[in-house]
C-alpha atoms as a PDB file:
ATOM      1  CA  UNK A   1       7.178 -14.180  -8.328  1.00  0.00           C
ATOM      2  CA  UNK A   2       8.317 -11.747 -11.427  1.00  0.00           C
ATOM      3  CA  UNK A   3      10.484  -8.852 -11.742  1.00  0.00           C
ATOM      4  CA  UNK A   4       9.976  -5.509 -14.148  1.00  0.00           C
ATOM      5  CA  UNK A   5      13.029  -6.799 -16.108  1.00  0.00           C
ATOM      6  CA  UNK A   6      15.236  -9.993 -16.746  1.00  0.00           C
ATOM      7  CA  UNK A   7      17.989 -10.545 -14.754  1.00  0.00           C
ATOM      8  CA  UNK A   8      17.525  -9.189 -11.466  1.00  0.00           C
ATOM      9  CA  UNK A   9      17.404 -13.007  -9.823  1.00  0.00           C
ATOM     10  CA  UNK A  10      13.585 -14.120  -9.553  1.00  0.00           C
ATOM     11  CA  UNK A  11      14.241 -17.493 -10.949  1.00  0.00           C
ATOM     12  CA  UNK A  12      17.231 -18.005  -8.104  1.00  0.00           C
ATOM     13  CA  UNK A  13      14.669 -16.377  -5.040  1.00  0.00           C
ATOM     14  CA  UNK A  14      11.441 -18.638  -6.263  1.00  0.00           C
ATOM     15  CA  UNK A  15      13.768 -21.617  -5.872  1.00  0.00           C
ATOM     16  CA  UNK A  16      15.074 -20.710  -2.711  1.00  0.00           C
ATOM     17  CA  UNK A  17      11.481 -19.414  -1.376  1.00  0.00           C
ATOM     18  CA  UNK A  18      10.247 -22.744  -2.784  1.00  0.00           C
ATOM     19  CA  UNK A  19      12.990 -24.703  -0.912  1.00  0.00           C
ATOM     20  CA  UNK A  20      12.097 -22.993   2.218  1.00  0.00           C
ATOM     21  CA  UNK A  21       8.360 -23.947   2.020  1.00  0.00           C
ATOM     22  CA  UNK A  22       9.676 -27.196   1.211  1.00  0.00           C
ATOM     23  CA  UNK A  23      11.694 -27.592   4.066  1.00  0.00           C
ATOM     24  CA  UNK A  24       8.680 -27.397   6.692  1.00  0.00           C
ATOM     25  CA  UNK A  25       7.559 -30.428   8.723  1.00  0.00           C
ATOM     26  CA  UNK A  26       3.656 -29.646   7.805  1.00  0.00           C
ATOM     27  CA  UNK A  27       4.382 -28.434   4.195  1.00  0.00           C
ATOM     28  CA  UNK A  28       4.975 -29.533   0.777  1.00  0.00           C
ATOM     29  CA  UNK A  29       5.808 -26.787  -2.066  1.00  0.00           C
ATOM     30  CA  UNK A  30       5.590 -27.108  -6.231  1.00  0.00           C
ATOM     31  CA  UNK A  31       7.411 -24.946  -8.498  1.00  0.00           C
ATOM     32  CA  UNK A  32       6.360 -24.202 -11.514  1.00  0.00           C
ATOM     33  CA  UNK A  33       8.455 -22.937 -13.888  1.00  0.00           C
ATOM     34  CA  UNK A  34       6.024 -21.075 -16.413  1.00  0.00           C
ATOM     35  CA  UNK A  35       8.223 -18.311 -17.504  1.00  0.00           C
ATOM     36  CA  UNK A  36       8.144 -20.390 -20.913  1.00  0.00           C
ATOM     37  CA  UNK A  37      10.177 -17.859 -23.059  1.00  0.00           C
ATOM     38  CA  UNK A  38      13.139 -18.696 -21.296  1.00  0.00           C
ATOM     39  CA  UNK A  39      12.752 -21.942 -18.519  1.00  0.00           C
ATOM     40  CA  UNK A  40      15.872 -22.000 -16.589  1.00  0.00           C
ATOM     41  CA  UNK A  41      14.351 -24.147 -13.085  1.00  0.00           C
ATOM     42  CA  UNK A  42      15.628 -27.509 -14.435  1.00  0.00           C
ATOM     43  CA  UNK A  43      19.183 -25.376 -15.065  1.00  0.00           C
ATOM     44  CA  UNK A  44      19.783 -24.127 -11.810  1.00  0.00           C
ATOM     45  CA  UNK A  45      18.084 -27.595  -9.768  1.00  0.00           C
ATOM     46  CA  UNK A  46      20.440 -29.326 -12.235  1.00  0.00           C
ATOM     47  CA  UNK A  47      18.267 -31.651 -13.645  1.00  0.00           C
ATOM     48  CA  UNK A  48      18.155 -33.096 -17.098  1.00  0.00           C
ATOM     49  CA  UNK A  49      16.557 -30.885 -19.831  1.00  0.00           C
ATOM     50  CA  UNK A  50      12.812 -32.701 -20.743  1.00  0.00           C
ATOM     51  CA  UNK A  51       9.313 -32.071 -21.362  1.00  0.00           C
ATOM     52  CA  UNK A  52       7.599 -29.584 -19.360  1.00  0.00           C
ATOM     53  CA  UNK A  53       4.263 -26.742 -18.405  1.00  0.00           C
ATOM     54  CA  UNK A  54       4.469 -26.021 -22.148  1.00  0.00           C
ATOM     55  CA  UNK A  55       4.040 -29.489 -23.370  1.00  0.00           C
ATOM     56  CA  UNK A  56       0.877 -30.470 -20.808  1.00  0.00           C
ATOM     57  CA  UNK A  57      -0.486 -26.741 -22.446  1.00  0.00           C
ATOM     58  CA  UNK A  58      -0.077 -27.494 -26.139  1.00  0.00           C
ATOM     59  CA  UNK A  59      -1.792 -31.350 -25.140  1.00  0.00           C
ATOM     60  CA  UNK A  60       1.491 -33.688 -25.815  1.00  0.00           C
ATOM     61  CA  UNK A  61       2.053 -34.655 -22.095  1.00  0.00           C
ATOM     62  CA  UNK A  62      -0.035 -35.493 -19.401  1.00  0.00           C
ATOM     63  CA  UNK A  63       1.274 -33.927 -16.082  1.00  0.00           C
ATOM     64  CA  UNK A  64       1.549 -36.823 -13.995  1.00  0.00           C
ATOM     65  CA  UNK A  65       4.133 -37.128 -16.329  1.00  0.00           C
ATOM     66  CA  UNK A  66       5.833 -34.011 -15.928  1.00  0.00           C
ATOM     67  CA  UNK A  67       5.989 -33.352 -12.387  1.00  0.00           C
ATOM     68  CA  UNK A  68       9.508 -33.978 -10.640  1.00  0.00           C
ATOM     69  CA  UNK A  69      10.929 -34.624  -7.779  1.00  0.00           C
ATOM     70  CA  UNK A  70      13.543 -32.487  -6.641  1.00  0.00           C
ATOM     71  CA  UNK A  71      16.170 -33.724  -4.026  1.00  0.00           C
ATOM     72  CA  UNK A  72      15.111 -31.306  -1.370  1.00  0.00           C
ATOM     73  CA  UNK A  73      13.059 -31.876   1.180  1.00  0.00           C
ATOM     74  CA  UNK A  74       9.489 -31.985   0.009  1.00  0.00           C
ATOM     75  CA  UNK A  75      10.363 -29.709  -3.169  1.00  0.00           C
ATOM     76  CA  UNK A  76       8.379 -31.181  -6.268  1.00  0.00           C
ATOM     77  CA  UNK A  77       9.012 -28.875  -9.959  1.00  0.00           C
ATOM     78  CA  UNK A  78       6.705 -28.645 -12.686  1.00  0.00           C
ATOM     79  CA  UNK A  79       9.468 -28.047 -15.302  1.00  0.00           C
ATOM     80  CA  UNK A  80       8.743 -25.132 -17.958  1.00  0.00           C
ATOM     81  CA  UNK A  81       9.938 -27.250 -21.226  1.00  0.00           C
ATOM     82  CA  UNK A  82      11.661 -26.234 -24.169  1.00  0.00           C
ATOM     83  CA  UNK A  83      10.954 -22.278 -24.791  1.00  0.00           C
ATOM     84  CA  UNK A  84       7.871 -21.523 -26.622  1.00  0.00           C
ATOM     85  CA  UNK A  85       7.204 -18.280 -28.965  1.00  0.00           C
ATOM     86  CA  UNK A  86       3.585 -17.688 -28.150  1.00  0.00           C
ATOM     87  CA  UNK A  87       3.916 -18.283 -24.305  1.00  0.00           C
ATOM     88  CA  UNK A  88       1.382 -15.204 -23.691  1.00  0.00           C
ATOM     89  CA  UNK A  89      -1.886 -17.749 -25.427  1.00  0.00           C
ATOM     90  CA  UNK A  90      -0.570 -20.182 -23.366  1.00  0.00           C
ATOM     91  CA  UNK A  91      -0.635 -18.344 -19.936  1.00  0.00           C
ATOM     92  CA  UNK A  92      -4.112 -17.385 -20.635  1.00  0.00           C
ATOM     93  CA  UNK A  93      -5.481 -20.263 -22.400  1.00  0.00           C
ATOM     94  CA  UNK A  94      -8.529 -22.291 -20.192  1.00  0.00           C
ATOM     95  CA  UNK A  95      -5.823 -25.006 -19.956  1.00  0.00           C
ATOM     96  CA  UNK A  96      -3.837 -22.902 -17.200  1.00  0.00           C
ATOM     97  CA  UNK A  97      -6.605 -22.091 -15.593  1.00  0.00           C
ATOM     98  CA  UNK A  98      -7.704 -26.053 -14.814  1.00  0.00           C
ATOM     99  CA  UNK A  99      -3.919 -26.862 -14.248  1.00  0.00           C
ATOM    100  CA  UNK A 100      -3.692 -24.103 -11.375  1.00  0.00           C
ATOM    101  CA  UNK A 101      -7.256 -25.187 -10.524  1.00  0.00           C
ATOM    102  CA  UNK A 102      -5.928 -28.673 -10.184  1.00  0.00           C
ATOM    103  CA  UNK A 103      -2.619 -28.039  -8.629  1.00  0.00           C
ATOM    104  CA  UNK A 104      -4.548 -26.248  -5.736  1.00  0.00           C
ATOM    105  CA  UNK A 105      -6.891 -28.784  -5.383  1.00  0.00           C
ATOM    106  CA  UNK A 106      -4.811 -31.595  -5.052  1.00  0.00           C
ATOM    107  CA  UNK A 107      -2.662 -30.950  -1.901  1.00  0.00           C
ATOM    108  CA  UNK A 108      -4.352 -28.591   0.802  1.00  0.00           C
ATOM    109  CA  UNK A 109      -1.136 -27.815   2.505  1.00  0.00           C
ATOM    110  CA  UNK A 110       0.896 -27.242  -0.359  1.00  0.00           C
ATOM    111  CA  UNK A 111       2.400 -24.089  -1.484  1.00  0.00           C
ATOM    112  CA  UNK A 112       2.675 -23.356  -5.191  1.00  0.00           C
ATOM    113  CA  UNK A 113       5.293 -20.983  -6.133  1.00  0.00           C
ATOM    114  CA  UNK A 114       5.208 -19.551  -9.367  1.00  0.00           C
ATOM    115  CA  UNK A 115       8.271 -18.171 -11.522  1.00  0.00           C
ATOM    116  CA  UNK A 116       6.867 -16.122 -14.222  1.00  0.00           C
ATOM    117  CA  UNK A 117       8.176 -14.152 -17.407  1.00  0.00           C
ATOM    118  CA  UNK A 118       9.367 -10.860 -16.122  1.00  0.00           C
ATOM    119  CA  UNK A 119       6.613  -8.389 -16.244  1.00  0.00           C
ATOM    120  CA  UNK A 120       7.370  -5.783 -18.592  1.00  0.00           C
ATOM    121  CA  UNK A 121       9.015  -8.139 -21.105  1.00  0.00           C
ATOM    122  CA  UNK A 122       5.275  -8.948 -22.495  1.00  0.00           C
ATOM    123  CA  UNK A 123       2.019 -10.226 -21.267  1.00  0.00           C
ATOM    124  CA  UNK A 124       2.541 -13.642 -20.169  1.00  0.00           C
ATOM    125  CA  UNK A 125       2.697 -12.432 -16.371  1.00  0.00           C
ATOM    126  CA  UNK A 126      -0.490 -10.683 -16.517  1.00  0.00           C
ATOM    127  CA  UNK A 127      -2.544 -13.605 -18.329  1.00  0.00           C
ATOM    128  CA  UNK A 128      -1.599 -15.865 -15.478  1.00  0.00           C
ATOM    129  CA  UNK A 129      -1.440 -13.549 -12.618  1.00  0.00           C
ATOM    130  CA  UNK A 130      -5.566 -13.191 -12.204  1.00  0.00           C
ATOM    131  CA  UNK A 131      -4.827 -17.281 -11.188  1.00  0.00           C
ATOM    132  CA  UNK A 132      -2.442 -16.130  -8.334  1.00  0.00           C
ATOM    133  CA  UNK A 133      -3.039 -15.680  -4.846  1.00  0.00           C
ATOM    134  CA  UNK A 134      -0.299 -13.025  -4.706  1.00  0.00           C
ATOM    135  CA  UNK A 135       2.434 -11.436  -6.252  1.00  0.00           C
ATOM    136  CA  UNK A 136       5.536 -10.431  -5.060  1.00  0.00           C
ATOM    137  CA  UNK A 137       7.850  -8.238  -7.331  1.00  0.00           C
ATOM    138  CA  UNK A 138      11.484  -8.616  -7.366  1.00  0.00           C
ATOM    139  CA  UNK A 139      13.632  -5.641  -8.165  1.00  0.00           C
ATOM    140  CA  UNK A 140      17.376  -5.548  -8.580  1.00  0.00           C
ATOM    141  CA  UNK A 141      19.210  -2.990  -6.295  1.00  0.00           C
ATOM    142  CA  UNK A 142      21.023  -0.026  -8.766  1.00  0.00           C
ATOM    143  CA  UNK A 143      19.517  -1.438 -11.673  1.00  0.00           C
ATOM    144  CA  UNK A 144      15.876  -1.476 -11.875  1.00  0.00           C
ATOM    145  CA  UNK A 145      15.282   1.693 -12.525  1.00  0.00           C
ATOM    146  CA  UNK A 146      12.419   3.709 -10.505  1.00  0.00           C
ATOM    147  CA  UNK A 147      10.663   4.074 -13.896  1.00  0.00           C
ATOM    148  CA  UNK A 148      10.112   0.337 -14.388  1.00  0.00           C
ATOM    149  CA  UNK A 149       8.920  -0.546 -11.048  1.00  0.00           C
ATOM    150  CA  UNK A 150       6.517   2.234 -11.020  1.00  0.00           C
ATOM    151  CA  UNK A 151       5.025   0.752 -14.698  1.00  0.00           C
ATOM    152  CA  UNK A 152       4.953  -2.782 -13.040  1.00  0.00           C
ATOM    153  CA  UNK A 153       3.133  -1.729 -10.028  1.00  0.00           C
ATOM    154  CA  UNK A 154       0.803   0.005 -11.889  1.00  0.00           C
ATOM    155  CA  UNK A 155       0.754  -3.182 -14.429  1.00  0.00           C
ATOM    156  CA  UNK A 156      -0.020  -5.508 -11.263  1.00  0.00           C
ATOM    157  CA  UNK A 157      -2.425  -3.273  -9.395  1.00  0.00           C
ATOM    158  CA  UNK A 158      -5.094  -6.041  -9.586  1.00  0.00           C
ATOM    159  CA  UNK A 159      -3.260  -8.921  -8.999  1.00  0.00           C
ATOM    160  CA  UNK A 160      -2.924  -8.673  -5.202  1.00  0.00           C
ATOM    161  CA  UNK A 161       0.555  -7.251  -5.476  1.00  0.00           C
ATOM    162  CA  UNK A 162       2.230  -8.045  -1.886  1.00  0.00           C
ATOM    163  CA  UNK A 163       5.147  -6.317  -1.932  1.00  0.00           C
ATOM    164  CA  UNK A 164       8.753  -5.136  -3.406  1.00  0.00           C
ATOM    165  CA  UNK A 165      12.159  -7.627  -2.884  1.00  0.00           C
ATOM    166  CA  UNK A 166      15.218  -6.031  -3.301  1.00  0.00           C
ATOM    167  CA  UNK A 167      17.707  -8.385  -4.931  1.00  0.00           C
ATOM    168  CA  UNK A 168      21.271  -8.207  -4.910  1.00  0.00           C
ATOM    169  CA  UNK A 169      21.765  -5.163  -2.674  1.00  0.00           C
ATOM    170  CA  UNK A 170      25.103  -4.294  -1.620  1.00  0.00           C
ATOM    171  CA  UNK A 171      25.705  -2.541   1.914  1.00  0.00           C
ATOM    172  CA  UNK A 172      26.226   1.012   1.544  1.00  0.00           C
ATOM    173  CA  UNK A 173      27.909   2.785   4.493  1.00  0.00           C
ATOM    174  CA  UNK A 174      24.750   5.431   3.614  1.00  0.00           C
ATOM    175  CA  UNK A 175      22.200   4.998   1.519  1.00  0.00           C
ATOM    176  CA  UNK A 176      22.659   6.742  -2.165  1.00  0.00           C
ATOM    177  CA  UNK A 177      19.417   8.659  -3.002  1.00  0.00           C
ATOM    178  CA  UNK A 178      20.814   9.327  -6.359  1.00  0.00           C
ATOM    179  CA  UNK A 179      21.077   5.156  -7.648  1.00  0.00           C
ATOM    180  CA  UNK A 180      17.524   4.325  -5.117  1.00  0.00           C
ATOM    181  CA  UNK A 181      14.677   6.009  -4.245  1.00  0.00           C
ATOM    182  CA  UNK A 182      13.558   6.431  -1.182  1.00  0.00           C
ATOM    183  CA  UNK A 183      11.384   4.644   1.159  1.00  0.00           C
ATOM    184  CA  UNK A 184       9.100   7.266   0.579  1.00  0.00           C
ATOM    185  CA  UNK A 185       8.779   6.034  -2.756  1.00  0.00           C
ATOM    186  CA  UNK A 186       7.419   2.203  -2.231  1.00  0.00           C
ATOM    187  CA  UNK A 187       4.921   4.065   0.131  1.00  0.00           C
ATOM    188  CA  UNK A 188       3.385   6.085  -2.635  1.00  0.00           C
ATOM    189  CA  UNK A 189       3.437   2.714  -5.102  1.00  0.00           C
ATOM    190  CA  UNK A 190       1.310   1.132  -2.261  1.00  0.00           C
ATOM    191  CA  UNK A 191      -1.306   3.419  -1.940  1.00  0.00           C
ATOM    192  CA  UNK A 192       0.189   4.957   1.796  1.00  0.00           C
ATOM    193  CA  UNK A 193       2.773   7.182   3.125  1.00  0.00           C
ATOM    194  CA  UNK A 194       4.588   6.181   5.796  1.00  0.00           C
END
């Protein structure tokens, strides 16, 4: 889960998506805070601060010591830890690739949701997107610009972009073509005209 820019609500949507999977009888879910520049999933889930993914990637912690069972259904959390400056290098490291393989192989019925940084804020998301099965782009109504959506989709063109989720939508009596693009715009992004 990513967004073009900060503030669209991607972390909150990531939490809600992981919780929905964790509430299923035949699934477990793991939520990974891979936004190492601004890890905030512990805060959203009201958990105490502590080590996380960044500590694992630099070799200061073992994975088993970092996994947290959230008090919601079958939800596990791999927190981000403290913010780091070299997050792009960590996301592209062989250690990160090995971690994704290990997490996938542990429990076949587990759905893993990665909350990654905004795609236009740095190279972190592009560094990790090659390890992901799919990407969802979250945009904020009336705030995310058409140009930012186009740039983000272009950058994510090789990442199996499943679609775009419109967040913070407000109901309008009639669509406002000035503040939000028409449906045909999304068709152009995904290569089809509807």
